[in-house]
C-alpha cells in the first residue's frame, strides 16, 4: 500500500512480508517475458 500527501507526493509504502505492486501482463516488457521464459521455461506455451 502506498501513502501520498494531499498533492500526490509519495510519503511511504506499507507492506507485510511481501513488498509488491501488481501489474497486468500487457504492462510488462515483452523483453522481460521472453527473458524469463528463456531461462526458466522455454517450452511454457
ModelCIF file with pLDDT and N, C-alpha, C, O atoms, coordinates in Angstrom:
data_MODEL
#
_entry.id   MODEL 
#
_entity.id                         1 
_entity.type                       polymer 
_entity.pdbx_number_of_molecules   1 
#
_entity_poly.entity_id                      1 
_entity_poly.type                           'polypeptide(L)' 
_entity_poly.nstd_linkage                   no 
_entity_poly.nstd_monomer                   no 
_entity_poly.pdbx_seq_one_letter_code       
;(UNK)(UNK)(UNK)(UNK)(UNK)(UNK)(UNK)(UNK)(UNK)(UNK)(UNK)(UNK)(UNK)(UNK)(UNK)(UNK)
(UNK)(UNK)(UNK)(UNK)(UNK)(UNK)(UNK)(UNK)(UNK)(UNK)(UNK)(UNK)(UNK)(UNK)(UNK)(UNK)
(UNK)(UNK)(UNK)(UNK)(UNK)(UNK)(UNK)(UNK)(UNK)(UNK)(UNK)(UNK)(UNK)
;
_entity_poly.pdbx_seq_one_letter_code_can   XXXXXXXXXXXXXXXXXXXXXXXXXXXXXXXXXXXXXXXXXXXXX 
_entity_poly.pdbx_strand_id                 A 
#
loop_
_entity_poly_seq.entity_id 
_entity_poly_seq.num 
_entity_poly_seq.mon_id 
_entity_poly_seq.hetero 
1 1  UNK n 
1 2  UNK n 
1 3  UNK n 
1 4  UNK n 
1 5  UNK n 
1 6  UNK n 
1 7  UNK n 
1 8  UNK n 
1 9  UNK n 
1 10 UNK n 
1 11 UNK n 
1 12 UNK n 
1 13 UNK n 
1 14 UNK n 
1 15 UNK n 
1 16 UNK n 
1 17 UNK n 
1 18 UNK n 
1 19 UNK n 
1 20 UNK n 
1 21 UNK n 
1 22 UNK n 
1 23 UNK n 
1 24 UNK n 
1 25 UNK n 
1 26 UNK n 
1 27 UNK n 
1 28 UNK n 
1 29 UNK n 
1 30 UNK n 
1 31 UNK n 
1 32 UNK n 
1 33 UNK n 
1 34 UNK n 
1 35 UNK n 
1 36 UNK n 
1 37 UNK n 
1 38 UNK n 
1 39 UNK n 
1 40 UNK n 
1 41 UNK n 
1 42 UNK n 
1 43 UNK n 
1 44 UNK n 
1 45 UNK n 
#
_struct_asym.id          A 
_struct_asym.entity_id   1 
#
loop_
_ma_qa_metric.id 
_ma_qa_metric.mode 
_ma_qa_metric.name 
_ma_qa_metric.software_group_id 
_ma_qa_metric.type 
1 global pLDDT . pLDDT 
2 local  pLDDT . pLDDT 
#
_ma_qa_metric_global.metric_id      1 
_ma_qa_metric_global.metric_value   86.13 
_ma_qa_metric_global.model_id       1 
_ma_qa_metric_global.ordinal_id     1 
#
loop_
_ma_qa_metric_local.label_asym_id 
_ma_qa_metric_local.label_comp_id 
_ma_qa_metric_local.label_seq_id 
_ma_qa_metric_local.metric_id 
_ma_qa_metric_local.metric_value 
_ma_qa_metric_local.model_id 
_ma_qa_metric_local.ordinal_id 
A UNK 1  2 83.00 1 1  
A UNK 2  2 85.00 1 2  
A UNK 3  2 90.00 1 3  
A UNK 4  2 92.00 1 4  
A UNK 5  2 93.00 1 5  
A UNK 6  2 95.00 1 6  
A UNK 7  2 94.00 1 7  
A UNK 8  2 92.00 1 8  
A UNK 9  2 91.00 1 9  
A UNK 10 2 88.00 1 10 
A UNK 11 2 88.00 1 11 
A UNK 12 2 80.00 1 12 
A UNK 13 2 76.00 1 13 
A UNK 14 2 72.00 1 14 
A UNK 15 2 65.00 1 15 
A UNK 16 2 59.00 1 16 
A UNK 17 2 55.00 1 17 
A UNK 18 2 59.00 1 18 
A UNK 19 2 66.00 1 19 
A UNK 20 2 74.00 1 20 
A UNK 21 2 78.00 1 21 
A UNK 22 2 82.00 1 22 
A UNK 23 2 87.00 1 23 
A UNK 24 2 90.00 1 24 
A UNK 25 2 92.00 1 25 
A UNK 26 2 92.00 1 26 
A UNK 27 2 92.00 1 27 
A UNK 28 2 95.00 1 28 
A UNK 29 2 95.00 1 29 
A UNK 30 2 96.00 1 30 
A UNK 31 2 96.00 1 31 
A UNK 32 2 96.00 1 32 
A UNK 33 2 95.00 1 33 
A UNK 34 2 95.00 1 34 
A UNK 35 2 96.00 1 35 
A UNK 36 2 94.00 1 36 
A UNK 37 2 93.00 1 37 
A UNK 38 2 93.00 1 38 
A UNK 39 2 92.00 1 39 
A UNK 40 2 89.00 1 40 
A UNK 41 2 88.00 1 41 
A UNK 42 2 89.00 1 42 
A UNK 43 2 88.00 1 43 
A UNK 44 2 88.00 1 44 
A UNK 45 2 88.00 1 45 
#
loop_
_atom_site.group_PDB 
_atom_site.id 
_atom_site.type_symbol 
_atom_site.label_atom_id 
_atom_site.label_alt_id 
_atom_site.label_comp_id 
_atom_site.label_asym_id 
_atom_site.label_entity_id 
_atom_site.label_seq_id 
_atom_site.pdbx_PDB_ins_code 
_atom_site.Cartn_x 
_atom_site.Cartn_y 
_atom_site.Cartn_z 
_atom_site.occupancy 
_atom_site.B_iso_or_equiv 
_atom_site.pdbx_formal_charge 
_atom_site.auth_seq_id 
_atom_site.auth_comp_id 
_atom_site.auth_asym_id 
_atom_site.auth_atom_id 
_atom_site.pdbx_PDB_model_num 
ATOM 1   N N  . UNK A 1 1  ? 0.851  -1.193  0.000   1.00 83.00 ? 1  UNK A N  1 
ATOM 2   C CA . UNK A 1 1  ? 0.000  0.000   0.000   1.00 83.00 ? 1  UNK A CA 1 
ATOM 3   C C  . UNK A 1 1  ? 0.885  1.242   0.000   1.00 83.00 ? 1  UNK A C  1 
ATOM 4   O O  . UNK A 1 1  ? 1.930  1.270   0.650   1.00 83.00 ? 1  UNK A O  1 
ATOM 5   N N  . UNK A 1 2  ? 0.457  2.266   -0.735  1.00 85.00 ? 2  UNK A N  1 
ATOM 6   C CA . UNK A 1 2  ? 1.245  3.493   -0.876  1.00 85.00 ? 2  UNK A CA 1 
ATOM 7   C C  . UNK A 1 2  ? 0.485  4.677   -0.278  1.00 85.00 ? 2  UNK A C  1 
ATOM 8   O O  . UNK A 1 2  ? -0.720 4.830   -0.477  1.00 85.00 ? 2  UNK A O  1 
ATOM 9   N N  . UNK A 1 3  ? 1.219  5.506   0.456   1.00 90.00 ? 3  UNK A N  1 
ATOM 10  C CA . UNK A 1 3  ? 0.630  6.662   1.120   1.00 90.00 ? 3  UNK A CA 1 
ATOM 11  C C  . UNK A 1 3  ? 1.208  7.937   0.513   1.00 90.00 ? 3  UNK A C  1 
ATOM 12  O O  . UNK A 1 3  ? 2.425  8.090   0.405   1.00 90.00 ? 3  UNK A O  1 
ATOM 13  N N  . UNK A 1 4  ? 0.318  8.850   0.119   1.00 92.00 ? 4  UNK A N  1 
ATOM 14  C CA . UNK A 1 4  ? 0.714  10.088  -0.549  1.00 92.00 ? 4  UNK A CA 1 
ATOM 15  C C  . UNK A 1 4  ? 0.227  11.294  0.259   1.00 92.00 ? 4  UNK A C  1 
ATOM 16  O O  . UNK A 1 4  ? -0.680 11.178  1.083   1.00 92.00 ? 4  UNK A O  1 
ATOM 17  N N  . UNK A 1 5  ? 0.844  12.452  0.011   1.00 93.00 ? 5  UNK A N  1 
ATOM 18  C CA . UNK A 1 5  ? 0.328  13.662  0.634   1.00 93.00 ? 5  UNK A CA 1 
ATOM 19  C C  . UNK A 1 5  ? -0.839 14.184  -0.200  1.00 93.00 ? 5  UNK A C  1 
ATOM 20  O O  . UNK A 1 5  ? -1.207 13.564  -1.197  1.00 93.00 ? 5  UNK A O  1 
ATOM 21  N N  . UNK A 1 6  ? -1.420 15.308  0.192   1.00 95.00 ? 6  UNK A N  1 
ATOM 22  C CA . UNK A 1 6  ? -2.630 15.802  -0.466  1.00 95.00 ? 6  UNK A CA 1 
ATOM 23  C C  . UNK A 1 6  ? -2.371 16.223  -1.909  1.00 95.00 ? 6  UNK A C  1 
ATOM 24  O O  . UNK A 1 6  ? -3.305 16.323  -2.704  1.00 95.00 ? 6  UNK A O  1 
ATOM 25  N N  . UNK A 1 7  ? -1.100 16.472  -2.251  1.00 94.00 ? 7  UNK A N  1 
ATOM 26  C CA . UNK A 1 7  ? -0.747 16.853  -3.616  1.00 94.00 ? 7  UNK A CA 1 
ATOM 27  C C  . UNK A 1 7  ? -0.224 15.691  -4.443  1.00 94.00 ? 7  UNK A C  1 
ATOM 28  O O  . UNK A 1 7  ? 0.262  15.888  -5.556  1.00 94.00 ? 7  UNK A O  1 
ATOM 29  N N  . UNK A 1 8  ? -0.321 14.474  -3.903  1.00 92.00 ? 8  UNK A N  1 
ATOM 30  C CA . UNK A 1 8  ? 0.079  13.293  -4.654  1.00 92.00 ? 8  UNK A CA 1 
ATOM 31  C C  . UNK A 1 8  ? 1.534  12.918  -4.530  1.00 92.00 ? 8  UNK A C  1 
ATOM 32  O O  . UNK A 1 8  ? 2.010  12.077  -5.292  1.00 92.00 ? 8  UNK A O  1 
ATOM 33  N N  . UNK A 1 9  ? 2.263  13.509  -3.597  1.00 91.00 ? 9  UNK A N  1 
ATOM 34  C CA . UNK A 1 9  ? 3.672  13.172  -3.406  1.00 91.00 ? 9  UNK A CA 1 
ATOM 35  C C  . UNK A 1 9  ? 3.793  11.964  -2.472  1.00 91.00 ? 9  UNK A C  1 
ATOM 36  O O  . UNK A 1 9  ? 3.185  11.937  -1.403  1.00 91.00 ? 9  UNK A O  1 
ATOM 37  N N  . UNK A 1 10 ? 4.588  10.959  -2.887  1.00 88.00 ? 10 UNK A N  1 
ATOM 38  C CA . UNK A 1 10 ? 4.712  9.719   -2.121  1.00 88.00 ? 10 UNK A CA 1 
ATOM 39  C C  . UNK A 1 10 ? 5.381  9.983   -0.778  1.00 88.00 ? 10 UNK A C  1 
ATOM 40  O O  . UNK A 1 10 ? 6.452  10.587  -0.713  1.00 88.00 ? 10 UNK A O  1 
ATOM 41  N N  . UNK A 1 11 ? 4.738  9.523   0.289   1.00 88.00 ? 11 UNK A N  1 
ATOM 42  C CA . UNK A 1 11 ? 5.289  9.657   1.636   1.00 88.00 ? 11 UNK A CA 1 
ATOM 43  C C  . UNK A 1 11 ? 5.878  8.352   2.135   1.00 88.00 ? 11 UNK A C  1 
ATOM 44  O O  . UNK A 1 11 ? 6.923  8.352   2.787   1.00 88.00 ? 11 UNK A O  1 
ATOM 45  N N  . UNK A 1 12 ? 5.213  7.227   1.833   1.00 80.00 ? 12 UNK A N  1 
ATOM 46  C CA . UNK A 1 12 ? 5.673  5.957   2.380   1.00 80.00 ? 12 UNK A CA 1 
ATOM 47  C C  . UNK A 1 12 ? 4.968  4.810   1.680   1.00 80.00 ? 12 UNK A C  1 
ATOM 48  O O  . UNK A 1 12 ? 3.953  4.993   1.009   1.00 80.00 ? 12 UNK A O  1 
ATOM 49  N N  . UNK A 1 13 ? 5.534  3.621   1.855   1.00 76.00 ? 13 UNK A N  1 
ATOM 50  C CA . UNK A 1 13 ? 4.881  2.392   1.423   1.00 76.00 ? 13 UNK A CA 1 
ATOM 51  C C  . UNK A 1 13 ? 4.747  1.485   2.637   1.00 76.00 ? 13 UNK A C  1 
ATOM 52  O O  . UNK A 1 13 ? 5.618  1.453   3.507   1.00 76.00 ? 13 UNK A O  1 
ATOM 53  N N  . UNK A 1 14 ? 3.646  0.753   2.681   1.00 72.00 ? 14 UNK A N  1 
ATOM 54  C CA . UNK A 1 14 ? 3.368  -0.134  3.818   1.00 72.00 ? 14 UNK A CA 1 
ATOM 55  C C  . UNK A 1 14 ? 3.134  -1.533  3.277   1.00 72.00 ? 14 UNK A C  1 
ATOM 56  O O  . UNK A 1 14 ? 2.319  -1.728  2.375   1.00 72.00 ? 14 UNK A O  1 
ATOM 57  N N  . UNK A 1 15 ? 3.832  -2.488  3.817   1.00 65.00 ? 15 UNK A N  1 
ATOM 58  C CA . UNK A 1 15 ? 3.625  -3.868  3.383   1.00 65.00 ? 15 UNK A CA 1 
ATOM 59  C C  . UNK A 1 15 ? 4.008  -4.827  4.489   1.00 65.00 ? 15 UNK A C  1 
ATOM 60  O O  . UNK A 1 15 ? 4.736  -4.478  5.419   1.00 65.00 ? 15 UNK A O  1 
ATOM 61  N N  . UNK A 1 16 ? 3.504  -6.042  4.367   1.00 59.00 ? 16 UNK A N  1 
ATOM 62  C CA . UNK A 1 16 ? 3.892  -7.092  5.289   1.00 59.00 ? 16 UNK A CA 1 
ATOM 63  C C  . UNK A 1 16 ? 5.177  -7.721  4.800   1.00 59.00 ? 16 UNK A C  1 
ATOM 64  O O  . UNK A 1 16 ? 6.150  -7.016  4.533   1.00 59.00 ? 16 UNK A O  1 
ATOM 65  N N  . UNK A 1 17 ? 5.194  -9.018  4.680   1.00 55.00 ? 17 UNK A N  1 
ATOM 66  C CA . UNK A 1 17 ? 6.390  -9.700  4.193   1.00 55.00 ? 17 UNK A CA 1 
ATOM 67  C C  . UNK A 1 17 ? 6.650  -9.358  2.741   1.00 55.00 ? 17 UNK A C  1 
ATOM 68  O O  . UNK A 1 17 ? 7.802  -9.205  2.333   1.00 55.00 ? 17 UNK A O  1 
ATOM 69  N N  . UNK A 1 18 ? 5.571  -9.233  1.942   1.00 59.00 ? 18 UNK A N  1 
ATOM 70  C CA . UNK A 1 18 ? 5.712  -9.060  0.503   1.00 59.00 ? 18 UNK A CA 1 
ATOM 71  C C  . UNK A 1 18 ? 5.547  -7.603  0.092   1.00 59.00 ? 18 UNK A C  1 
ATOM 72  O O  . UNK A 1 18 ? 4.472  -7.021  0.234   1.00 59.00 ? 18 UNK A O  1 
ATOM 73  N N  . UNK A 1 19 ? 6.638  -7.018  -0.424  1.00 66.00 ? 19 UNK A N  1 
ATOM 74  C CA . UNK A 1 19 ? 6.590  -5.681  -0.986  1.00 66.00 ? 19 UNK A CA 1 
ATOM 75  C C  . UNK A 1 19 ? 6.271  -5.834  -2.469  1.00 66.00 ? 19 UNK A C  1 
ATOM 76  O O  . UNK A 1 19 ? 7.151  -6.166  -3.263  1.00 66.00 ? 19 UNK A O  1 
ATOM 77  N N  . UNK A 1 20 ? 5.008  -5.592  -2.847  1.00 74.00 ? 20 UNK A N  1 
ATOM 78  C CA . UNK A 1 20 ? 4.567  -5.944  -4.199  1.00 74.00 ? 20 UNK A CA 1 
ATOM 79  C C  . UNK A 1 20 ? 3.572  -4.931  -4.740  1.00 74.00 ? 20 UNK A C  1 
ATOM 80  O O  . UNK A 1 20 ? 2.735  -4.399  -4.012  1.00 74.00 ? 20 UNK A O  1 
ATOM 81  N N  . UNK A 1 21 ? 3.688  -4.678  -6.049  1.00 78.00 ? 21 UNK A N  1 
ATOM 82  C CA . UNK A 1 21 ? 2.690  -3.904  -6.784  1.00 78.00 ? 21 UNK A CA 1 
ATOM 83  C C  . UNK A 1 21 ? 2.295  -4.723  -8.002  1.00 78.00 ? 21 UNK A C  1 
ATOM 84  O O  . UNK A 1 21 ? 3.138  -4.993  -8.857  1.00 78.00 ? 21 UNK A O  1 
ATOM 85  N N  . UNK A 1 22 ? 1.040  -5.121  -8.099  1.00 82.00 ? 22 UNK A N  1 
ATOM 86  C CA . UNK A 1 22 ? 0.576  -5.994  -9.171  1.00 82.00 ? 22 UNK A CA 1 
ATOM 87  C C  . UNK A 1 22 ? 0.308  -5.188  -10.444 1.00 82.00 ? 22 UNK A C  1 
ATOM 88  O O  . UNK A 1 22 ? -0.295 -4.115  -10.404 1.00 82.00 ? 22 UNK A O  1 
ATOM 89  N N  . UNK A 1 23 ? 0.771  -5.734  -11.581 1.00 87.00 ? 23 UNK A N  1 
ATOM 90  C CA . UNK A 1 23 ? 0.510  -5.106  -12.877 1.00 87.00 ? 23 UNK A CA 1 
ATOM 91  C C  . UNK A 1 23 ? 0.007  -6.167  -13.854 1.00 87.00 ? 23 UNK A C  1 
ATOM 92  O O  . UNK A 1 23 ? 0.399  -7.329  -13.746 1.00 87.00 ? 23 UNK A O  1 
ATOM 93  N N  . UNK A 1 24 ? -0.852 -5.793  -14.806 1.00 90.00 ? 24 UNK A N  1 
ATOM 94  C CA . UNK A 1 24 ? -1.328 -6.768  -15.799 1.00 90.00 ? 24 UNK A CA 1 
ATOM 95  C C  . UNK A 1 24 ? -0.227 -7.139  -16.783 1.00 90.00 ? 24 UNK A C  1 
ATOM 96  O O  . UNK A 1 24 ? 0.769  -6.427  -16.916 1.00 90.00 ? 24 UNK A O  1 
ATOM 97  N N  . UNK A 1 25 ? -0.416 -8.250  -17.465 1.00 92.00 ? 25 UNK A N  1 
ATOM 98  C CA . UNK A 1 25 ? 0.597  -8.784  -18.366 1.00 92.00 ? 25 UNK A CA 1 
ATOM 99  C C  . UNK A 1 25 ? 0.948  -7.805  -19.481 1.00 92.00 ? 25 UNK A C  1 
ATOM 100 O O  . UNK A 1 25 ? 2.104  -7.732  -19.896 1.00 92.00 ? 25 UNK A O  1 
ATOM 101 N N  . UNK A 1 26 ? -0.034 -7.055  -19.968 1.00 92.00 ? 26 UNK A N  1 
ATOM 102 C CA . UNK A 1 26 ? 0.236  -6.144  -21.072 1.00 92.00 ? 26 UNK A CA 1 
ATOM 103 C C  . UNK A 1 26 ? 1.003  -4.893  -20.636 1.00 92.00 ? 26 UNK A C  1 
ATOM 104 O O  . UNK A 1 26 ? 1.347  -4.056  -21.471 1.00 92.00 ? 26 UNK A O  1 
ATOM 105 N N  . UNK A 1 27 ? 1.271  -4.763  -19.332 1.00 92.00 ? 27 UNK A N  1 
ATOM 106 C CA . UNK A 1 27 ? 2.106  -3.668  -18.840 1.00 92.00 ? 27 UNK A CA 1 
ATOM 107 C C  . UNK A 1 27 ? 3.458  -4.180  -18.353 1.00 92.00 ? 27 UNK A C  1 
ATOM 108 O O  . UNK A 1 27 ? 4.100  -3.565  -17.501 1.00 92.00 ? 27 UNK A O  1 
ATOM 109 N N  . UNK A 1 28 ? 3.880  -5.317  -18.909 1.00 95.00 ? 28 UNK A N  1 
ATOM 110 C CA . UNK A 1 28 ? 5.191  -5.890  -18.614 1.00 95.00 ? 28 UNK A CA 1 
ATOM 111 C C  . UNK A 1 28 ? 5.961  -5.977  -19.925 1.00 95.00 ? 28 UNK A C  1 
ATOM 112 O O  . UNK A 1 28 ? 5.424  -6.432  -20.935 1.00 95.00 ? 28 UNK A O  1 
ATOM 113 N N  . UNK A 1 29 ? 7.196  -5.547  -19.912 1.00 95.00 ? 29 UNK A N  1 
ATOM 114 C CA . UNK A 1 29 ? 8.013  -5.513  -21.116 1.00 95.00 ? 29 UNK A CA 1 
ATOM 115 C C  . UNK A 1 29 ? 8.057  -6.874  -21.823 1.00 95.00 ? 29 UNK A C  1 
ATOM 116 O O  . UNK A 1 29 ? 8.307  -7.887  -21.169 1.00 95.00 ? 29 UNK A O  1 
ATOM 117 N N  . UNK A 1 30 ? 7.822  -6.925  -23.138 1.00 96.00 ? 30 UNK A N  1 
ATOM 118 C CA . UNK A 1 30 ? 7.966  -8.185  -23.883 1.00 96.00 ? 30 UNK A CA 1 
ATOM 119 C C  . UNK A 1 30 ? 9.360  -8.782  -23.741 1.00 96.00 ? 30 UNK A C  1 
ATOM 120 O O  . UNK A 1 30 ? 9.510  -10.003 -23.727 1.00 96.00 ? 30 UNK A O  1 
ATOM 121 N N  . UNK A 1 31 ? 10.384 -7.933  -23.636 1.00 96.00 ? 31 UNK A N  1 
ATOM 122 C CA . UNK A 1 31 ? 11.746 -8.429  -23.443 1.00 96.00 ? 31 UNK A CA 1 
ATOM 123 C C  . UNK A 1 31 ? 11.859 -9.222  -22.145 1.00 96.00 ? 31 UNK A C  1 
ATOM 124 O O  . UNK A 1 31 ? 12.528 -10.254 -22.095 1.00 96.00 ? 31 UNK A O  1 
ATOM 125 N N  . UNK A 1 32 ? 11.194 -8.728  -21.084 1.00 96.00 ? 32 UNK A N  1 
ATOM 126 C CA . UNK A 1 32 ? 11.267 -9.439  -19.812 1.00 96.00 ? 32 UNK A CA 1 
ATOM 127 C C  . UNK A 1 32 ? 10.521 -10.762 -19.886 1.00 96.00 ? 32 UNK A C  1 
ATOM 128 O O  . UNK A 1 32 ? 11.001 -11.769 -19.366 1.00 96.00 ? 32 UNK A O  1 
ATOM 129 N N  . UNK A 1 33 ? 9.357  -10.776 -20.524 1.00 95.00 ? 33 UNK A N  1 
ATOM 130 C CA . UNK A 1 33 ? 8.610  -12.036 -20.656 1.00 95.00 ? 33 UNK A CA 1 
ATOM 131 C C  . UNK A 1 33 ? 9.433  -13.075 -21.408 1.00 95.00 ? 33 UNK A C  1 
ATOM 132 O O  . UNK A 1 33 ? 9.487  -14.237 -21.006 1.00 95.00 ? 33 UNK A O  1 
ATOM 133 N N  . UNK A 1 34 ? 10.077 -12.658 -22.504 1.00 95.00 ? 34 UNK A N  1 
ATOM 134 C CA . UNK A 1 34 ? 10.917 -13.592 -23.263 1.00 95.00 ? 34 UNK A CA 1 
ATOM 135 C C  . UNK A 1 34 ? 12.096 -14.076 -22.432 1.00 95.00 ? 34 UNK A C  1 
ATOM 136 O O  . UNK A 1 34 ? 12.425 -15.263 -22.428 1.00 95.00 ? 34 UNK A O  1 
ATOM 137 N N  . UNK A 1 35 ? 12.735 -13.131 -21.718 1.00 96.00 ? 35 UNK A N  1 
ATOM 138 C CA . UNK A 1 35 ? 13.917 -13.487 -20.931 1.00 96.00 ? 35 UNK A CA 1 
ATOM 139 C C  . UNK A 1 35 ? 13.582 -14.478 -19.831 1.00 96.00 ? 35 UNK A C  1 
ATOM 140 O O  . UNK A 1 35 ? 14.323 -15.434 -19.600 1.00 96.00 ? 35 UNK A O  1 
ATOM 141 N N  . UNK A 1 36 ? 12.471 -14.252 -19.156 1.00 94.00 ? 36 UNK A N  1 
ATOM 142 C CA . UNK A 1 36 ? 12.071 -15.157 -18.073 1.00 94.00 ? 36 UNK A CA 1 
ATOM 143 C C  . UNK A 1 36 ? 11.775 -16.541 -18.614 1.00 94.00 ? 36 UNK A C  1 
ATOM 144 O O  . UNK A 1 36 ? 12.226 -17.536 -18.046 1.00 94.00 ? 36 UNK A O  1 
ATOM 145 N N  . UNK A 1 37 ? 11.025 -16.622 -19.702 1.00 93.00 ? 37 UNK A N  1 
ATOM 146 C CA . UNK A 1 37 ? 10.710 -17.939 -20.258 1.00 93.00 ? 37 UNK A CA 1 
ATOM 147 C C  . UNK A 1 37 ? 11.948 -18.625 -20.817 1.00 93.00 ? 37 UNK A C  1 
ATOM 148 O O  . UNK A 1 37 ? 12.073 -19.846 -20.730 1.00 93.00 ? 37 UNK A O  1 
ATOM 149 N N  . UNK A 1 38 ? 12.864 -17.850 -21.391 1.00 93.00 ? 38 UNK A N  1 
ATOM 150 C CA . UNK A 1 38 ? 14.075 -18.439 -21.953 1.00 93.00 ? 38 UNK A CA 1 
ATOM 151 C C  . UNK A 1 38 ? 14.880 -19.164 -20.893 1.00 93.00 ? 38 UNK A C  1 
ATOM 152 O O  . UNK A 1 38 ? 15.381 -20.261 -21.142 1.00 93.00 ? 38 UNK A O  1 
ATOM 153 N N  . UNK A 1 39 ? 15.015 -18.570 -19.711 1.00 92.00 ? 39 UNK A N  1 
ATOM 154 C CA . UNK A 1 39 ? 15.876 -19.154 -18.681 1.00 92.00 ? 39 UNK A CA 1 
ATOM 155 C C  . UNK A 1 39 ? 15.121 -20.058 -17.716 1.00 92.00 ? 39 UNK A C  1 
ATOM 156 O O  . UNK A 1 39 ? 15.720 -20.918 -17.071 1.00 92.00 ? 39 UNK A O  1 
ATOM 157 N N  . UNK A 1 40 ? 13.805 -19.865 -17.613 1.00 89.00 ? 40 UNK A N  1 
ATOM 158 C CA . UNK A 1 40 ? 13.035 -20.636 -16.646 1.00 89.00 ? 40 UNK A CA 1 
ATOM 159 C C  . UNK A 1 40 ? 12.171 -21.721 -17.281 1.00 89.00 ? 40 UNK A C  1 
ATOM 160 O O  . UNK A 1 40 ? 11.972 -22.776 -16.679 1.00 89.00 ? 40 UNK A O  1 
ATOM 161 N N  . UNK A 1 41 ? 11.655 -21.483 -18.485 1.00 88.00 ? 41 UNK A N  1 
ATOM 162 C CA . UNK A 1 41 ? 10.700 -22.447 -19.063 1.00 88.00 ? 41 UNK A CA 1 
ATOM 163 C C  . UNK A 1 41 ? 10.464 -22.106 -20.536 1.00 88.00 ? 41 UNK A C  1 
ATOM 164 O O  . UNK A 1 41 ? 9.451  -21.500 -20.886 1.00 88.00 ? 41 UNK A O  1 
ATOM 165 N N  . UNK A 1 42 ? 11.413 -22.503 -21.397 1.00 89.00 ? 42 UNK A N  1 
ATOM 166 C CA . UNK A 1 42 ? 11.326 -22.103 -22.801 1.00 89.00 ? 42 UNK A CA 1 
ATOM 167 C C  . UNK A 1 42 ? 10.193 -22.799 -23.554 1.00 89.00 ? 42 UNK A C  1 
ATOM 168 O O  . UNK A 1 42 ? 9.801  -22.344 -24.629 1.00 89.00 ? 42 UNK A O  1 
ATOM 169 N N  . UNK A 1 43 ? 9.662  -23.895 -23.008 1.00 88.00 ? 43 UNK A N  1 
ATOM 170 C CA . UNK A 1 43 ? 8.542  -24.608 -23.638 1.00 88.00 ? 43 UNK A CA 1 
ATOM 171 C C  . UNK A 1 43 ? 7.213  -24.284 -22.947 1.00 88.00 ? 43 UNK A C  1 
ATOM 172 O O  . UNK A 1 43 ? 6.255  -25.052 -23.032 1.00 88.00 ? 43 UNK A O  1 
ATOM 173 N N  . UNK A 1 44 ? 7.170  -23.129 -22.260 1.00 88.00 ? 44 UNK A N  1 
ATOM 174 C CA . UNK A 1 44 ? 5.996  -22.778 -21.468 1.00 88.00 ? 44 UNK A CA 1 
ATOM 175 C C  . UNK A 1 44 ? 4.695  -22.907 -22.250 1.00 88.00 ? 44 UNK A C  1 
ATOM 176 O O  . UNK A 1 44 ? 3.710  -23.425 -21.723 1.00 88.00 ? 44 UNK A O  1 
ATOM 177 N N  . UNK A 1 45 ? 4.673  -22.449 -23.485 1.00 88.00 ? 45 UNK A N  1 
ATOM 178 C CA . UNK A 1 45 ? 3.427  -22.447 -24.247 1.00 88.00 ? 45 UNK A CA 1 
ATOM 179 C C  . UNK A 1 45 ? 3.105  -23.800 -24.887 1.00 88.00 ? 45 UNK A C  1 
ATOM 180 O O  . UNK A 1 45 ? 2.082  -23.938 -25.558 1.00 88.00 ? 45 UNK A O  1 
#
